[in-house]
Amino acid sequence: MIQNPLNDMISYTIRRVATAMTSDLTNQLADLKLRITDANVLILIMHNEGITQSEIGRTLAIASANIAPVIGRLDKRDFLIRMPVDGRSHGLALTEKGHKIAERVFALTKAAEVSAHKKIPEALRGDIIEALQNLKGDAP
């Protein structure tokens, strides 16, 4: 039997789990011609009408140079509406088409989450989320 010392490492295990959890979702989103980042941005806008590009980048930890192409892809598909916020910024909202796709994407994302939860004993679920948020620096 092969010994794998990586199995006891948090970062290795998190990468493996993330890959496993996102594999099916990635394939479903590909059918919609979306990437996971696109889906996350759509969901965030759906729940925060008027959010700015910079707020999206900060919330999802996407560099400002990388958020512009995502917004561009979504805008090109007529998913977004831009609304003036102040003299320099525009808030984003979803078009009717964008809202429909965002609802579908959110349903797929929630289904993936339910599937993941079923694999974790109920007594551990809260602890896992809290531990991961601590690692990420988001603990309340």
Protein backbone atom coordinates (compact mmCIF):
# COMPACT_ATOMS: atom_id res chain seq x y z
CA MET A 1 0.00 0.00 0.00
CA ILE A 2 1.30 3.44 -0.92
CA GLN A 3 1.87 5.84 1.96
CA ASN A 4 0.58 9.34 1.24
CA PRO A 5 1.75 11.79 3.93
CA LEU A 6 -0.24 14.53 2.15
CA ASN A 7 -3.52 13.00 3.38
CA ASP A 8 -2.85 14.45 6.84
CA MET A 9 -2.29 17.98 5.51
CA ILE A 10 -5.12 20.49 5.67
CA SER A 11 -4.25 22.39 2.48
CA TYR A 12 -3.91 19.19 0.44
CA THR A 13 -7.20 17.83 1.73
CA ILE A 14 -9.00 21.13 1.09
CA ARG A 15 -7.73 21.20 -2.52
CA ARG A 16 -8.87 17.62 -3.08
CA VAL A 17 -12.27 18.29 -1.52
CA ALA A 18 -12.73 21.50 -3.53
CA THR A 19 -11.92 19.67 -6.74
CA ALA A 20 -14.32 16.85 -5.93
CA MET A 21 -17.11 19.22 -4.89
CA THR A 22 -16.83 21.50 -7.89
CA SER A 23 -16.37 18.86 -10.57
CA ASP A 24 -20.08 18.18 -11.21
CA LEU A 25 -21.01 21.83 -10.81
CA THR A 26 -18.29 22.85 -13.26
CA ASN A 27 -19.70 20.45 -15.84
CA GLN A 28 -23.27 21.68 -15.32
CA LEU A 29 -22.16 25.29 -15.63
CA ALA A 30 -20.16 24.47 -18.77
CA ASP A 31 -23.45 23.33 -20.34
CA LEU A 32 -24.69 26.88 -19.68
CA LYS A 33 -21.40 28.31 -21.03
CA LEU A 34 -20.50 29.67 -17.61
CA ARG A 35 -17.50 29.31 -15.34
CA ILE A 36 -17.76 28.98 -11.57
CA THR A 37 -16.54 32.56 -11.15
CA ASP A 38 -19.24 33.77 -13.57
CA ALA A 39 -21.83 31.87 -11.55
CA ASN A 40 -20.58 33.32 -8.25
CA VAL A 41 -20.75 36.85 -9.67
CA LEU A 42 -24.30 36.31 -10.98
CA ILE A 43 -25.43 34.97 -7.60
CA LEU A 44 -23.82 37.89 -5.77
CA ILE A 45 -25.47 40.46 -8.06
CA MET A 46 -28.82 38.67 -7.77
CA HIS A 47 -28.66 39.08 -3.99
CA ASN A 48 -27.12 42.59 -3.99
CA GLU A 49 -28.65 44.72 -6.73
CA GLY A 50 -26.55 47.82 -7.31
CA ILE A 51 -23.29 46.22 -6.15
CA THR A 52 -20.21 47.68 -7.81
CA GLN A 53 -17.50 45.80 -9.63
CA SER A 54 -14.98 46.64 -6.92
CA GLU A 55 -17.36 45.37 -4.20
CA ILE A 56 -17.76 42.11 -6.13
CA GLY A 57 -14.00 41.77 -6.41
CA ARG A 58 -13.47 42.37 -2.68
CA THR A 59 -16.31 40.04 -1.66
CA LEU A 60 -15.21 37.17 -3.90
CA ALA A 61 -11.45 37.85 -3.55
CA ILE A 62 -11.03 38.51 -7.28
CA ALA A 63 -8.33 40.96 -8.35
CA SER A 64 -9.65 44.07 -10.07
CA ALA A 65 -7.76 43.13 -13.25
CA ASN A 66 -9.58 39.77 -13.25
CA ILE A 67 -13.09 40.99 -12.43
CA ALA A 68 -13.34 43.18 -15.54
CA PRO A 69 -13.24 40.24 -17.99
CA VAL A 70 -15.86 38.36 -15.93
CA ILE A 71 -18.19 41.37 -15.99
CA GLY A 72 -17.44 41.77 -19.70
CA ARG A 73 -18.44 38.16 -20.45
CA LEU A 74 -21.69 38.51 -18.50
CA ASP A 75 -22.44 41.89 -20.07
CA LYS A 76 -21.81 40.53 -23.57
CA ARG A 77 -24.47 37.87 -22.93
CA ASP A 78 -26.97 40.57 -21.90
CA PHE A 79 -27.12 39.42 -18.27
CA LEU A 80 -26.26 42.81 -16.72
CA ILE A 81 -27.59 46.33 -16.36
CA ARG A 82 -25.27 49.14 -15.26
CA MET A 83 -26.69 51.84 -12.99
CA PRO A 84 -24.88 55.05 -11.99
CA VAL A 85 -23.94 55.01 -8.29
CA ASP A 86 -21.87 58.17 -8.13
CA GLY A 87 -19.78 60.20 -10.56
CA ARG A 88 -17.31 57.38 -11.14
CA SER A 89 -18.96 54.08 -10.23
CA HIS A 90 -21.70 51.97 -11.70
CA GLY A 91 -23.76 49.47 -9.79
CA LEU A 92 -24.77 46.22 -11.42
CA ALA A 93 -28.15 44.55 -11.62
CA LEU A 94 -29.45 41.65 -13.64
CA THR A 95 -31.54 41.83 -16.77
CA GLU A 96 -34.55 39.53 -16.96
CA LYS A 97 -32.37 37.07 -18.90
CA GLY A 98 -29.61 37.46 -16.30
CA HIS A 99 -32.03 36.90 -13.43
CA LYS A 100 -33.34 33.69 -14.99
CA ILE A 101 -29.84 32.29 -15.48
CA ALA A 102 -28.78 33.43 -11.99
CA GLU A 103 -31.74 31.62 -10.43
CA ARG A 104 -30.84 28.47 -12.35
CA VAL A 105 -27.17 28.76 -11.35
CA PHE A 106 -28.11 29.36 -7.71
CA ALA A 107 -30.34 26.26 -7.74
CA LEU A 108 -27.47 24.18 -9.16
CA THR A 109 -25.09 25.59 -6.55
CA LYS A 110 -27.50 24.87 -3.69
CA ALA A 111 -28.03 21.31 -5.01
CA ALA A 112 -24.26 20.77 -5.00
CA GLU A 113 -24.16 22.04 -1.43
CA VAL A 114 -26.95 19.68 -0.34
CA SER A 115 -25.07 16.81 -1.94
CA ALA A 116 -21.92 17.76 -0.02
CA HIS A 117 -23.81 18.08 3.27
CA LYS A 118 -25.15 14.55 2.88
CA LYS A 119 -21.58 13.25 2.94
CA ILE A 120 -20.79 14.94 6.28
CA PRO A 121 -22.22 13.66 9.57
CA GLU A 122 -24.72 16.26 10.79
CA ALA A 123 -22.91 16.70 14.11
CA LEU A 124 -19.77 17.87 12.27
CA ARG A 125 -21.29 20.26 9.71
CA GLY A 126 -21.18 23.42 11.81
CA ASP A 127 -17.67 22.69 13.04
CA ILE A 128 -16.40 22.18 9.49
CA ILE A 129 -17.81 25.49 8.25
CA GLU A 130 -16.41 27.32 11.29
CA ALA A 131 -12.99 25.70 10.89
CA LEU A 132 -12.84 26.58 7.19
CA GLN A 133 -13.91 30.16 7.87
CA ASN A 134 -11.17 30.42 10.50
CA LEU A 135 -8.60 29.21 7.97
CA LYS A 136 -9.92 31.72 5.43
CA GLY A 137 -10.02 34.50 8.02
CA ASP A 138 -13.81 34.99 7.87
CA ALA A 139 -14.80 33.68 11.28
CA PRO A 140 -17.37 35.88 13.05
